[in-house]
Amino acid sequence: MKGEHPVGISRLLVRRRPGARHFGLLIAGGRAIPVALGRAGPAVRKREGDGRTPVGRYRILRALYRPDRMARPKTRLPLAAIRPGDGWSDDPADRRYNRPVALPVATSHERMWRDDALYDLVLVIDHNTRPRVAGHGSAVFIHAARPGFSATEGCVALTRGDLRRLVERLAPGAVIEIAP
């Protein structure tokens, strides 16, 4: 397929759909896949809690999955199981800001082990990781969409089936480019 590396898809492109802030398309391996974006749409200047999806080019670092809800995904990406005590710091004052944390913690955080299915399969990208800048956004993932593709807090979300197929086809070192 067009855009596919011999060992898998190496580049994803996300574009906002005209006329809607939080609806977009993800172009991967010659396919256009509908996605939900942040409620405020894509933006060059991402801030913690602003509901914007950060514009830029990011490496896909690894995949996380919830083993009680799905079989281990077949992927060439680094892969880890999500556990009930896993979290992700979203507190700009925390020294672990925009990093995984073990729960419980007293600071603000995302729970990775969720009651809904949004984080059953997650792709971690390197948004705001090197250097990490407090307040410039945290926990920006590629994950499963809510029914009806309602807006995210800044992540890129697609159907569970599309996400699973994508994880299986991504090449190590793949990147996602989010357009304005």
N, C-alpha and C. Protein backbone atom coordinates (compact mmCIF):
# COMPACT_ATOMS: atom_id res chain seq x y z
N MET A 1 0.82 -1.18 0.00
CA MET A 1 0.00 0.00 0.00
C MET A 1 0.87 1.25 0.00
N LYS A 2 0.35 2.31 -0.58
CA LYS A 2 1.06 3.58 -0.62
C LYS A 2 1.34 4.06 0.80
N GLY A 3 2.56 4.56 1.06
CA GLY A 3 2.93 5.06 2.37
C GLY A 3 3.33 3.98 3.35
N GLU A 4 3.36 2.74 2.90
CA GLU A 4 3.70 1.65 3.80
C GLU A 4 5.15 1.22 3.58
N HIS A 5 5.88 1.14 4.63
CA HIS A 5 7.27 0.71 4.65
C HIS A 5 7.28 -0.81 4.51
N PRO A 6 8.36 -1.42 3.99
CA PRO A 6 8.37 -2.89 3.86
C PRO A 6 8.07 -3.63 5.16
N VAL A 7 8.38 -3.01 6.29
CA VAL A 7 8.08 -3.66 7.58
C VAL A 7 6.89 -3.03 8.28
N GLY A 8 6.12 -2.22 7.57
CA GLY A 8 4.93 -1.64 8.16
C GLY A 8 4.80 -0.16 7.84
N ILE A 9 3.76 0.44 8.38
CA ILE A 9 3.48 1.85 8.17
C ILE A 9 4.45 2.67 9.01
N SER A 10 5.12 3.62 8.38
CA SER A 10 6.12 4.41 9.10
C SER A 10 5.70 5.86 9.32
N ARG A 11 4.61 6.29 8.65
CA ARG A 11 4.19 7.68 8.80
C ARG A 11 2.67 7.78 8.82
N LEU A 12 2.17 8.52 9.79
CA LEU A 12 0.75 8.82 9.90
C LEU A 12 0.59 10.32 9.72
N LEU A 13 -0.45 10.72 9.04
CA LEU A 13 -0.74 12.14 8.87
C LEU A 13 -2.16 12.38 9.35
N VAL A 14 -2.34 13.37 10.21
CA VAL A 14 -3.66 13.73 10.72
C VAL A 14 -4.00 15.14 10.25
N ARG A 15 -5.17 15.25 9.64
CA ARG A 15 -5.67 16.55 9.19
C ARG A 15 -7.08 16.76 9.74
N ARG A 16 -7.37 17.99 10.10
CA ARG A 16 -8.72 18.34 10.54
C ARG A 16 -9.64 18.34 9.33
N ARG A 17 -10.87 17.87 9.55
CA ARG A 17 -11.87 17.94 8.48
C ARG A 17 -12.42 19.36 8.40
N PRO A 18 -12.62 19.89 7.21
CA PRO A 18 -13.17 21.24 7.09
C PRO A 18 -14.53 21.35 7.76
N GLY A 19 -14.73 22.46 8.45
CA GLY A 19 -16.03 22.74 9.05
C GLY A 19 -16.26 22.16 10.43
N ALA A 20 -15.34 21.42 10.97
CA ALA A 20 -15.53 20.84 12.30
C ALA A 20 -14.19 20.83 13.04
N ARG A 21 -14.15 21.45 14.19
CA ARG A 21 -12.89 21.53 14.94
C ARG A 21 -12.34 20.19 15.36
N HIS A 22 -13.21 19.33 15.85
CA HIS A 22 -12.69 18.10 16.47
C HIS A 22 -12.83 16.84 15.62
N PHE A 23 -13.22 16.97 14.37
CA PHE A 23 -13.25 15.81 13.47
C PHE A 23 -12.06 15.89 12.53
N GLY A 24 -11.42 14.74 12.32
CA GLY A 24 -10.26 14.72 11.44
C GLY A 24 -10.17 13.42 10.67
N LEU A 25 -9.13 13.34 9.86
CA LEU A 25 -8.80 12.11 9.14
C LEU A 25 -7.35 11.77 9.42
N LEU A 26 -7.09 10.50 9.63
CA LEU A 26 -5.75 9.98 9.79
C LEU A 26 -5.42 9.22 8.51
N ILE A 27 -4.36 9.62 7.83
CA ILE A 27 -3.94 8.96 6.59
C ILE A 27 -2.83 7.98 6.96
N ALA A 28 -3.05 6.70 6.68
CA ALA A 28 -2.09 5.66 7.04
C ALA A 28 -2.14 4.55 6.01
N GLY A 29 -1.00 4.23 5.42
CA GLY A 29 -0.94 3.13 4.47
C GLY A 29 -1.91 3.28 3.32
N GLY A 30 -2.14 4.51 2.88
CA GLY A 30 -3.05 4.75 1.76
C GLY A 30 -4.52 4.79 2.13
N ARG A 31 -4.84 4.65 3.42
CA ARG A 31 -6.23 4.70 3.89
C ARG A 31 -6.50 5.98 4.64
N ALA A 32 -7.71 6.51 4.53
CA ALA A 32 -8.16 7.65 5.31
C ALA A 32 -9.10 7.13 6.39
N ILE A 33 -8.72 7.33 7.63
CA ILE A 33 -9.47 6.79 8.78
C ILE A 33 -10.04 7.96 9.58
N PRO A 34 -11.35 7.96 9.86
CA PRO A 34 -11.93 9.05 10.65
C PRO A 34 -11.39 9.03 12.08
N VAL A 35 -11.13 10.23 12.62
CA VAL A 35 -10.64 10.37 13.99
C VAL A 35 -11.34 11.52 14.69
N ALA A 36 -11.31 11.46 16.01
CA ALA A 36 -11.73 12.59 16.84
C ALA A 36 -10.46 13.28 17.33
N LEU A 37 -10.53 14.59 17.42
CA LEU A 37 -9.42 15.41 17.91
C LEU A 37 -9.88 16.16 19.15
N GLY A 38 -9.01 16.99 19.69
CA GLY A 38 -9.36 17.80 20.85
C GLY A 38 -10.53 18.72 20.59
N ARG A 39 -11.28 19.03 21.62
CA ARG A 39 -12.50 19.84 21.47
C ARG A 39 -12.23 21.22 20.87
N ALA A 40 -11.00 21.74 21.03
CA ALA A 40 -10.64 23.05 20.47
C ALA A 40 -9.89 22.93 19.15
N GLY A 41 -9.74 21.70 18.64
CA GLY A 41 -9.07 21.48 17.36
C GLY A 41 -7.55 21.51 17.49
N PRO A 42 -6.87 21.34 16.36
CA PRO A 42 -5.40 21.36 16.37
C PRO A 42 -4.87 22.78 16.61
N ALA A 43 -3.71 22.86 17.28
CA ALA A 43 -3.09 24.16 17.55
C ALA A 43 -1.59 24.00 17.70
N VAL A 44 -0.87 25.01 17.29
CA VAL A 44 0.59 25.00 17.41
C VAL A 44 1.00 25.14 18.88
N ARG A 45 0.31 25.95 19.65
CA ARG A 45 0.65 26.18 21.06
C ARG A 45 -0.30 25.43 21.97
N LYS A 46 0.10 24.27 22.40
CA LYS A 46 -0.70 23.42 23.29
C LYS A 46 -0.42 23.84 24.74
N ARG A 47 -1.47 23.93 25.54
CA ARG A 47 -1.37 24.20 26.97
C ARG A 47 -2.18 23.16 27.72
N GLU A 48 -1.74 22.84 28.92
CA GLU A 48 -2.43 21.85 29.75
C GLU A 48 -3.89 22.24 29.90
N GLY A 49 -4.80 21.32 29.57
CA GLY A 49 -6.23 21.51 29.78
C GLY A 49 -6.94 22.35 28.74
N ASP A 50 -6.27 22.77 27.66
CA ASP A 50 -6.91 23.66 26.68
C ASP A 50 -7.77 22.93 25.65
N GLY A 51 -7.72 21.58 25.64
CA GLY A 51 -8.54 20.82 24.69
C GLY A 51 -8.04 20.88 23.27
N ARG A 52 -6.79 21.27 23.09
CA ARG A 52 -6.22 21.35 21.74
C ARG A 52 -5.36 20.11 21.45
N THR A 53 -5.36 19.70 20.21
CA THR A 53 -4.48 18.62 19.75
C THR A 53 -3.21 19.29 19.23
N PRO A 54 -2.04 18.90 19.75
CA PRO A 54 -0.81 19.62 19.38
C PRO A 54 -0.35 19.34 17.95
N VAL A 55 -0.16 20.41 17.20
CA VAL A 55 0.36 20.33 15.84
C VAL A 55 1.85 20.00 15.92
N GLY A 56 2.32 19.13 15.04
CA GLY A 56 3.73 18.81 15.00
C GLY A 56 3.96 17.38 14.53
N ARG A 57 5.22 17.00 14.57
CA ARG A 57 5.65 15.65 14.17
C ARG A 57 6.18 14.96 15.41
N TYR A 58 5.60 13.79 15.74
CA TYR A 58 5.93 13.08 16.97
C TYR A 58 6.25 11.62 16.68
N ARG A 59 7.23 11.10 17.38
CA ARG A 59 7.54 9.68 17.28
C ARG A 59 6.51 8.89 18.09
N ILE A 60 6.16 7.73 17.59
CA ILE A 60 5.31 6.81 18.34
C ILE A 60 6.26 5.93 19.13
N LEU A 61 6.21 6.07 20.45
CA LEU A 61 7.20 5.44 21.31
C LEU A 61 6.88 3.99 21.65
N ARG A 62 5.61 3.71 21.97
CA ARG A 62 5.24 2.37 22.38
C ARG A 62 3.72 2.23 22.40
N ALA A 63 3.29 0.99 22.57
CA ALA A 63 1.87 0.69 22.71
C ALA A 63 1.63 0.14 24.12
N LEU A 64 0.47 0.47 24.66
CA LEU A 64 0.02 -0.06 25.94
C LEU A 64 -1.32 -0.73 25.71
N TYR A 65 -1.59 -1.81 26.44
CA TYR A 65 -2.88 -2.48 26.27
C TYR A 65 -3.37 -3.02 27.61
N ARG A 66 -4.67 -3.22 27.68
CA ARG A 66 -5.29 -3.72 28.90
C ARG A 66 -5.56 -5.21 28.75
N PRO A 67 -4.75 -6.06 29.41
CA PRO A 67 -4.80 -7.51 29.17
C PRO A 67 -6.08 -8.20 29.63
N ASP A 68 -6.85 -7.60 30.52
CA ASP A 68 -8.11 -8.23 30.94
C ASP A 68 -9.23 -7.99 29.93
N ARG A 69 -9.00 -7.10 28.96
CA ARG A 69 -10.03 -6.79 27.97
C ARG A 69 -9.66 -7.18 26.56
N MET A 70 -8.40 -7.53 26.32
CA MET A 70 -8.00 -7.91 24.97
C MET A 70 -6.76 -8.78 25.01
N ALA A 71 -6.62 -9.58 23.98
CA ALA A 71 -5.41 -10.39 23.83
C ALA A 71 -4.24 -9.47 23.51
N ARG A 72 -3.06 -9.94 23.82
CA ARG A 72 -1.84 -9.17 23.53
C ARG A 72 -1.82 -8.84 22.03
N PRO A 73 -1.77 -7.55 21.68
CA PRO A 73 -1.75 -7.18 20.26
C PRO A 73 -0.47 -7.64 19.57
N LYS A 74 -0.62 -8.00 18.31
CA LYS A 74 0.55 -8.31 17.49
C LYS A 74 1.07 -6.98 16.97
N THR A 75 2.29 -6.64 17.34
CA THR A 75 2.87 -5.38 16.94
C THR A 75 4.38 -5.47 16.95
N ARG A 76 5.01 -4.61 16.17
CA ARG A 76 6.47 -4.52 16.18
C ARG A 76 6.95 -3.38 17.07
N LEU A 77 6.00 -2.69 17.69
CA LEU A 77 6.34 -1.60 18.61
C LEU A 77 6.64 -2.17 19.99
N PRO A 78 7.42 -1.45 20.80
CA PRO A 78 7.54 -1.85 22.20
C PRO A 78 6.13 -1.89 22.81
N LEU A 79 5.85 -2.88 23.63
CA LEU A 79 4.50 -3.12 24.13
C LEU A 79 4.55 -3.43 25.62
N ALA A 80 3.60 -2.85 26.37
CA ALA A 80 3.50 -3.13 27.80
C ALA A 80 2.02 -3.23 28.18
N ALA A 81 1.76 -4.05 29.18
CA ALA A 81 0.40 -4.20 29.71
C ALA A 81 0.11 -3.08 30.71
N ILE A 82 -1.11 -2.55 30.65
CA ILE A 82 -1.57 -1.57 31.63
C ILE A 82 -2.03 -2.34 32.86
N ARG A 83 -1.67 -1.84 34.03
CA ARG A 83 -2.06 -2.47 35.30
C ARG A 83 -3.00 -1.53 36.06
N PRO A 84 -3.77 -2.07 37.02
CA PRO A 84 -4.72 -1.23 37.76
C PRO A 84 -4.09 -0.02 38.45
N GLY A 85 -2.84 -0.11 38.83
CA GLY A 85 -2.19 0.99 39.52
C GLY A 85 -1.43 1.95 38.63
N ASP A 86 -1.66 1.91 37.33
CA ASP A 86 -0.93 2.78 36.41
C ASP A 86 -1.65 4.12 36.22
N GLY A 87 -0.87 5.18 36.22
CA GLY A 87 -1.38 6.52 35.98
C GLY A 87 -0.41 7.29 35.11
N TRP A 88 -0.78 8.54 34.80
CA TRP A 88 0.08 9.42 34.01
C TRP A 88 -0.06 10.81 34.61
N SER A 89 1.04 11.40 35.04
CA SER A 89 0.99 12.71 35.70
C SER A 89 0.60 13.80 34.70
N ASP A 90 -0.43 14.60 35.09
CA ASP A 90 -0.80 15.77 34.28
C ASP A 90 -0.72 17.05 35.10
N ASP A 91 0.02 16.99 36.19
CA ASP A 91 0.19 18.13 37.09
C ASP A 91 1.50 18.85 36.77
N PRO A 92 1.42 20.08 36.19
CA PRO A 92 2.65 20.79 35.83
C PRO A 92 3.61 21.02 36.99
N ALA A 93 3.12 20.99 38.23
CA ALA A 93 4.00 21.20 39.39
C ALA A 93 4.69 19.91 39.83
N ASP A 94 4.28 18.78 39.28
CA ASP A 94 4.85 17.48 39.66
C ASP A 94 6.15 17.25 38.90
N ARG A 95 7.18 16.77 39.57
CA ARG A 95 8.46 16.48 38.90
C ARG A 95 8.31 15.36 37.88
N ARG A 96 7.23 14.56 38.00
CA ARG A 96 6.98 13.47 37.05
C ARG A 96 6.00 13.88 35.96
N TYR A 97 5.78 15.17 35.79
CA TYR A 97 4.84 15.70 34.80
C TYR A 97 5.04 15.03 33.43
N ASN A 98 3.94 14.64 32.84
CA ASN A 98 3.89 13.99 31.52
C ASN A 98 4.73 12.71 31.48
N ARG A 99 4.66 11.98 32.56
CA ARG A 99 5.32 10.67 32.65
C ARG A 99 4.39 9.70 33.38
N PRO A 100 4.64 8.40 33.19
CA PRO A 100 3.86 7.41 33.93
C PRO A 100 4.12 7.54 35.43
N VAL A 101 3.09 7.28 36.23
CA VAL A 101 3.21 7.27 37.68
C VAL A 101 2.50 6.05 38.23
N ALA A 102 2.96 5.60 39.38
CA ALA A 102 2.29 4.51 40.09
C ALA A 102 1.25 5.14 41.03
N LEU A 103 0.03 4.65 40.95
CA LEU A 103 -1.06 5.16 41.79
C LEU A 103 -1.10 4.39 43.11
N PRO A 104 -1.54 5.01 44.17
CA PRO A 104 -2.10 6.36 44.25
C PRO A 104 -1.00 7.42 44.34
N VAL A 105 -1.32 8.61 43.84
CA VAL A 105 -0.46 9.79 43.99
C VAL A 105 -1.35 10.96 44.41
N ALA A 106 -0.76 11.91 45.11
CA ALA A 106 -1.52 13.05 45.60
C ALA A 106 -1.70 14.13 44.52
N THR A 107 -0.90 14.07 43.46
CA THR A 107 -0.96 15.09 42.42
C THR A 107 -1.99 14.71 41.35
N SER A 108 -2.34 15.66 40.51
CA SER A 108 -3.29 15.42 39.44
C SER A 108 -2.71 14.42 38.44
N HIS A 109 -3.58 13.53 37.94
CA HIS A 109 -3.10 12.47 37.05
C HIS A 109 -4.25 11.89 36.23
N GLU A 110 -3.91 11.19 35.17
CA GLU A 110 -4.84 10.37 34.38
C GLU A 110 -4.75 8.95 34.91
N ARG A 111 -5.87 8.29 35.05
CA ARG A 111 -5.86 6.85 35.35
C ARG A 111 -5.76 6.13 34.01
N MET A 112 -4.82 5.23 33.89
CA MET A 112 -4.67 4.47 32.65
C MET A 112 -5.64 3.27 32.62
N TRP A 113 -5.96 2.73 33.79
CA TRP A 113 -6.90 1.61 33.92
C TRP A 113 -8.28 2.22 34.10
N ARG A 114 -9.00 2.42 33.01
CA ARG A 114 -10.26 3.16 33.02
C ARG A 114 -11.46 2.23 32.98
N ASP A 115 -12.60 2.74 33.45
CA ASP A 115 -13.84 1.97 33.38
C ASP A 115 -14.36 1.90 31.95
N ASP A 116 -14.17 3.00 31.19
CA ASP A 116 -14.56 2.95 29.78
C ASP A 116 -13.45 2.25 28.99
N ALA A 117 -13.62 2.11 27.72
CA ALA A 117 -12.66 1.36 26.89
C ALA A 117 -11.66 2.26 26.17
N LEU A 118 -11.61 3.54 26.50
CA LEU A 118 -10.77 4.47 25.74
C LEU A 118 -9.30 4.12 25.77
N TYR A 119 -8.81 3.63 26.90
CA TYR A 119 -7.39 3.32 27.03
C TYR A 119 -7.11 1.82 27.03
N ASP A 120 -8.00 1.02 26.49
CA ASP A 120 -7.72 -0.41 26.40
C ASP A 120 -6.53 -0.68 25.48
N LEU A 121 -6.32 0.19 24.52
CA LEU A 121 -5.16 0.14 23.62
C LEU A 121 -4.74 1.58 23.36
N VAL A 122 -3.49 1.89 23.65
CA VAL A 122 -2.99 3.26 23.59
C VAL A 122 -1.64 3.29 22.89
N LEU A 123 -1.46 4.30 22.05
CA LEU A 123 -0.14 4.58 21.49
C LEU A 123 0.40 5.82 22.18
N VAL A 124 1.59 5.70 22.75
CA VAL A 124 2.24 6.81 23.44
C VAL A 124 3.13 7.52 22.43
N ILE A 125 2.95 8.85 22.33
CA ILE A 125 3.78 9.64 21.42
C ILE A 125 4.71 10.55 22.23
N ASP A 126 5.70 11.10 21.57
CA ASP A 126 6.69 11.90 22.30
C ASP A 126 6.37 13.39 22.35
N HIS A 127 5.09 13.74 22.43
CA HIS A 127 4.71 15.14 22.61
C HIS A 127 5.17 15.62 23.99
N ASN A 128 5.87 16.72 24.02
CA ASN A 128 6.33 17.38 25.26
C ASN A 128 7.12 16.44 26.16
N THR A 129 8.06 15.72 25.57
CA THR A 129 8.88 14.81 26.37
C THR A 129 10.32 15.24 26.50
N ARG A 130 10.91 15.79 25.44
CA ARG A 130 12.33 16.21 25.50
C ARG A 130 12.51 17.52 24.77
N PRO A 131 12.57 18.60 25.49
CA PRO A 131 12.43 18.70 26.93
C PRO A 131 10.95 18.72 27.32
N ARG A 132 10.69 18.27 28.54
CA ARG A 132 9.34 18.41 29.10
C ARG A 132 9.21 19.83 29.62
N VAL A 133 8.15 20.51 29.21
CA VAL A 133 7.93 21.88 29.66
C VAL A 133 6.61 21.88 30.43
N ALA A 134 6.69 22.24 31.71
CA ALA A 134 5.50 22.26 32.56
C ALA A 134 4.41 23.13 31.95
N GLY A 135 3.22 22.57 31.85
CA GLY A 135 2.07 23.29 31.34
C GLY A 135 1.87 23.23 29.84
N HIS A 136 2.77 22.58 29.11
CA HIS A 136 2.65 22.52 27.64
C HIS A 136 1.92 21.27 27.15
N GLY A 137 1.23 20.59 28.04
CA GLY A 137 0.41 19.46 27.65
C GLY A 137 1.00 18.13 28.04
N SER A 138 0.11 17.24 28.49
CA SER A 138 0.53 15.91 28.93
C SER A 138 -0.49 14.88 28.51
N ALA A 139 -0.07 13.63 28.55
CA ALA A 139 -0.97 12.50 28.27
C ALA A 139 -1.67 12.65 26.92
N VAL A 140 -0.93 13.11 25.91
CA VAL A 140 -1.48 13.19 24.56
C VAL A 140 -1.18 11.84 23.90
N PHE A 141 -2.23 11.07 23.69
CA PHE A 141 -2.12 9.70 23.18
C PHE A 141 -2.90 9.53 21.89
N ILE A 142 -2.72 8.38 21.27
CA ILE A 142 -3.62 7.88 20.23
C ILE A 142 -4.38 6.76 20.91
N HIS A 143 -5.70 6.85 20.97
CA HIS A 143 -6.49 5.87 21.71
C HIS A 143 -7.84 5.66 21.04
N ALA A 144 -8.67 4.83 21.65
CA ALA A 144 -10.00 4.53 21.10
C ALA A 144 -10.94 5.72 21.28
N ALA A 145 -11.82 5.89 20.30
CA ALA A 145 -12.78 7.00 20.31
C ALA A 145 -14.03 6.62 21.09
N ARG A 146 -14.69 7.64 21.58
CA ARG A 146 -16.01 7.47 22.18
C ARG A 146 -17.02 7.28 21.04
N PRO A 147 -18.17 6.71 21.35
CA PRO A 147 -19.21 6.58 20.31
C PRO A 147 -19.53 7.96 19.73
N GLY A 148 -19.68 8.02 18.42
CA GLY A 148 -19.99 9.28 17.76
C GLY A 148 -18.80 10.20 17.58
N PHE A 149 -17.61 9.72 17.92
CA PHE A 149 -16.38 10.50 17.78
C PHE A 149 -16.47 11.84 18.50
N SER A 150 -16.97 11.83 19.73
CA SER A 150 -17.00 13.08 20.49
C SER A 150 -15.56 13.53 20.74
N ALA A 151 -15.40 14.82 21.01
CA ALA A 151 -14.09 15.43 21.14
C ALA A 151 -13.28 14.81 22.28
N THR A 152 -11.95 14.86 22.11
CA THR A 152 -11.02 14.41 23.14
C THR A 152 -10.52 15.62 23.92
N GLU A 153 -9.64 15.38 24.87
CA GLU A 153 -8.99 16.48 25.60
C GLU A 153 -7.75 16.98 24.87
N GLY A 154 -7.44 16.39 23.73
CA GLY A 154 -6.28 16.80 22.95
C GLY A 154 -5.63 15.63 22.23
N CYS A 155 -6.13 14.44 22.49
CA CYS A 155 -5.59 13.22 21.87
C CYS A 155 -6.17 13.04 20.46
N VAL A 156 -5.67 12.01 19.79
CA VAL A 156 -6.22 11.55 18.51
C VAL A 156 -6.90 10.22 18.81
N ALA A 157 -8.18 10.10 18.46
CA ALA A 157 -8.94 8.90 18.79
C ALA A 157 -9.62 8.31 17.56
N LEU A 158 -9.56 7.00 17.43
CA LEU A 158 -10.18 6.29 16.31
C LEU A 158 -10.91 5.06 16.83
N THR A 159 -11.70 4.42 15.98
CA THR A 159 -12.44 3.26 16.46
C THR A 159 -11.47 2.20 16.98
N ARG A 160 -11.98 1.39 17.86
CA ARG A 160 -11.15 0.33 18.44
C ARG A 160 -10.60 -0.60 17.36
N GLY A 161 -11.44 -0.96 16.39
CA GLY A 161 -11.00 -1.84 15.31
C GLY A 161 -9.92 -1.20 14.46
N ASP A 162 -10.10 0.08 14.10
CA ASP A 162 -9.08 0.78 13.31
C ASP A 162 -7.78 0.92 14.10
N LEU A 163 -7.90 1.19 15.39
CA LEU A 163 -6.71 1.31 16.24
C LEU A 163 -5.96 -0.01 16.31
N ARG A 164 -6.67 -1.09 16.48
CA ARG A 164 -6.04 -2.41 16.55
C ARG A 164 -5.30 -2.73 15.24
N ARG A 165 -5.97 -2.49 14.11
CA ARG A 165 -5.32 -2.74 12.81
C ARG A 165 -4.09 -1.85 12.63
N LEU A 166 -4.18 -0.61 13.06
CA LEU A 166 -3.05 0.31 12.94
C LEU A 166 -1.87 -0.17 13.79
N VAL A 167 -2.11 -0.55 15.02
CA VAL A 167 -1.05 -1.03 15.91
C VAL A 167 -0.34 -2.24 15.30
N GLU A 168 -1.09 -3.11 14.66
CA GLU A 168 -0.50 -4.30 14.05
C GLU A 168 0.38 -3.96 12.85
N ARG A 169 0.13 -2.83 12.19
CA ARG A 169 0.84 -2.50 10.96
C ARG A 169 1.92 -1.45 11.13
N LEU A 170 2.03 -0.82 12.29
CA LEU A 170 3.02 0.24 12.47
C LEU A 170 4.43 -0.32 12.54
N ALA A 171 5.33 0.37 11.87
CA ALA A 171 6.75 0.02 11.89
C ALA A 171 7.41 0.64 13.12
N PRO A 172 8.41 -0.01 13.68
CA PRO A 172 9.19 0.63 14.74
C PRO A 172 9.74 1.96 14.21
N GLY A 173 9.71 2.98 15.04
CA GLY A 173 10.19 4.30 14.62
C GLY A 173 9.16 5.11 13.86
N ALA A 174 7.92 4.63 13.76
CA ALA A 174 6.87 5.36 13.05
C ALA A 174 6.64 6.74 13.69
N VAL A 175 6.15 7.67 12.88
CA VAL A 175 5.85 9.02 13.35
C VAL A 175 4.42 9.37 12.99
N ILE A 176 3.88 10.30 13.77
CA ILE A 176 2.58 10.88 13.47
C ILE A 176 2.79 12.38 13.29
N GLU A 177 2.26 12.87 12.19
CA GLU A 177 2.33 14.31 11.92
C GLU A 177 0.92 14.86 12.01
N ILE A 178 0.74 15.83 12.89
CA ILE A 178 -0.57 16.44 13.09
C ILE A 178 -0.52 17.83 12.45
N ALA A 179 -1.34 18.03 11.41
CA ALA A 179 -1.36 19.28 10.65
C ALA A 179 -2.27 20.30 11.33
N PRO A 180 -1.98 21.60 11.07
CA PRO A 180 -2.84 22.66 11.66
C PRO A 180 -4.25 22.64 11.10
